[in-house]
Structure formats: C-alpha cells, structure tokens
Amino acid sequence: MQIIVNGEPREVDDSFSAAQLLDALGLTGHRVAVEVNLEIVPRSEFEHHRLSPGDRVEVVRAIGGG
C-alpha cells in the first residue's frame, strides 16, 4: 500500500505499524514523534497503530544541543 511519509510517497506492506515504519526508516530507538493524519500517535501505541492506504505520516526526530 502507499502512504506519504514526510511529504514523500512510500510503499509499505499492508497492516504496517508505526513501529515497523520507524524500523524501515532506521529510526528504531531514536527519540521521535509520529503524527498520522494530523493526530499524534503516543509512543506507547507505535506497535499497535496500523497504517492505512493514503495515510499522511510525519516523523520528527528530536535533536538535543545547546
């Protein structure tokens, strides 16, 4: 199925979870925020939140510094 990730089309398997997407993007273990169709997905729900065709996903990585 096709979803949009940070403005770019991306093909993923059906029933892909937010956690699987982060893994595919190489972001597992990083501090990130995930928004699907303008709704924030809590970190505790990444494994259970299934993506659907056409979902618009924004992934933002937290970067510290000073």
Protein backbone atom coordinates (compact mmCIF):
# COMPACT_ATOMS: atom_id res chain seq x y z
CA MET A 1 0.00 0.00 0.00
CA GLN A 2 1.11 3.57 -0.47
CA ILE A 3 1.42 6.11 2.32
CA ILE A 4 3.00 9.57 2.43
CA VAL A 5 5.96 9.95 4.82
CA ASN A 6 7.23 13.48 5.40
CA GLY A 7 5.74 14.53 2.06
CA GLU A 8 7.20 11.63 0.03
CA PRO A 9 5.22 8.63 -1.28
CA ARG A 10 6.36 5.31 0.18
CA GLU A 11 5.26 1.73 -0.43
CA VAL A 12 4.81 -0.43 2.67
CA ASP A 13 3.20 -3.78 3.42
CA ASP A 14 -0.48 -3.92 4.32
CA SER A 15 -1.14 -3.54 8.07
CA PHE A 16 2.27 -1.92 8.61
CA SER A 17 2.53 -0.47 12.11
CA ALA A 18 4.07 2.84 13.11
CA ALA A 19 6.84 0.84 14.84
CA GLN A 20 7.57 -1.10 11.64
CA LEU A 21 7.74 2.16 9.71
CA LEU A 22 10.28 3.56 12.17
CA ASP A 23 12.31 0.38 11.80
CA ALA A 24 12.19 0.67 8.00
CA LEU A 25 13.35 4.29 8.28
CA GLY A 26 16.23 3.30 10.56
CA LEU A 27 14.79 5.26 13.48
CA THR A 28 14.13 2.48 16.00
CA GLY A 29 15.49 3.57 19.36
CA HIS A 30 15.69 7.24 18.40
CA ARG A 31 13.62 9.92 20.07
CA VAL A 32 10.91 10.68 17.53
CA ALA A 33 7.37 11.97 17.34
CA VAL A 34 4.94 10.37 14.90
CA GLU A 35 1.85 12.07 13.52
CA VAL A 36 -0.65 10.25 11.31
CA ASN A 37 -3.26 12.34 9.52
CA LEU A 38 -2.64 15.29 11.86
CA GLU A 39 -3.04 13.13 15.01
CA ILE A 40 -0.07 12.45 17.32
CA VAL A 41 0.47 8.74 17.93
CA PRO A 42 1.65 8.14 21.52
CA ARG A 43 4.92 6.22 21.76
CA SER A 44 3.09 3.51 23.74
CA GLU A 45 0.87 2.91 20.68
CA PHE A 46 3.57 2.64 17.98
CA GLU A 47 3.40 -1.18 17.95
CA HIS A 48 -0.40 -1.23 17.77
CA HIS A 49 -1.12 1.69 15.45
CA ARG A 50 -1.72 0.22 11.98
CA LEU A 51 -1.29 2.41 8.94
CA SER A 52 -3.87 2.54 6.16
CA PRO A 53 -3.54 3.29 2.44
CA GLY A 54 -3.18 7.01 1.84
CA ASP A 55 -2.18 7.87 5.42
CA ARG A 56 -0.08 11.01 5.72
CA VAL A 57 2.68 10.37 8.25
CA GLU A 58 5.06 12.94 9.67
CA VAL A 59 8.08 11.70 11.61
CA VAL A 60 10.06 14.28 13.54
CA ARG A 61 13.33 13.39 15.21
CA ALA A 62 14.28 15.14 18.46
CA ILE A 63 17.74 16.65 18.37
CA GLY A 64 19.39 17.95 21.52
CA GLY A 65 22.03 20.56 21.73
CA GLY A 66 22.87 23.78 23.29
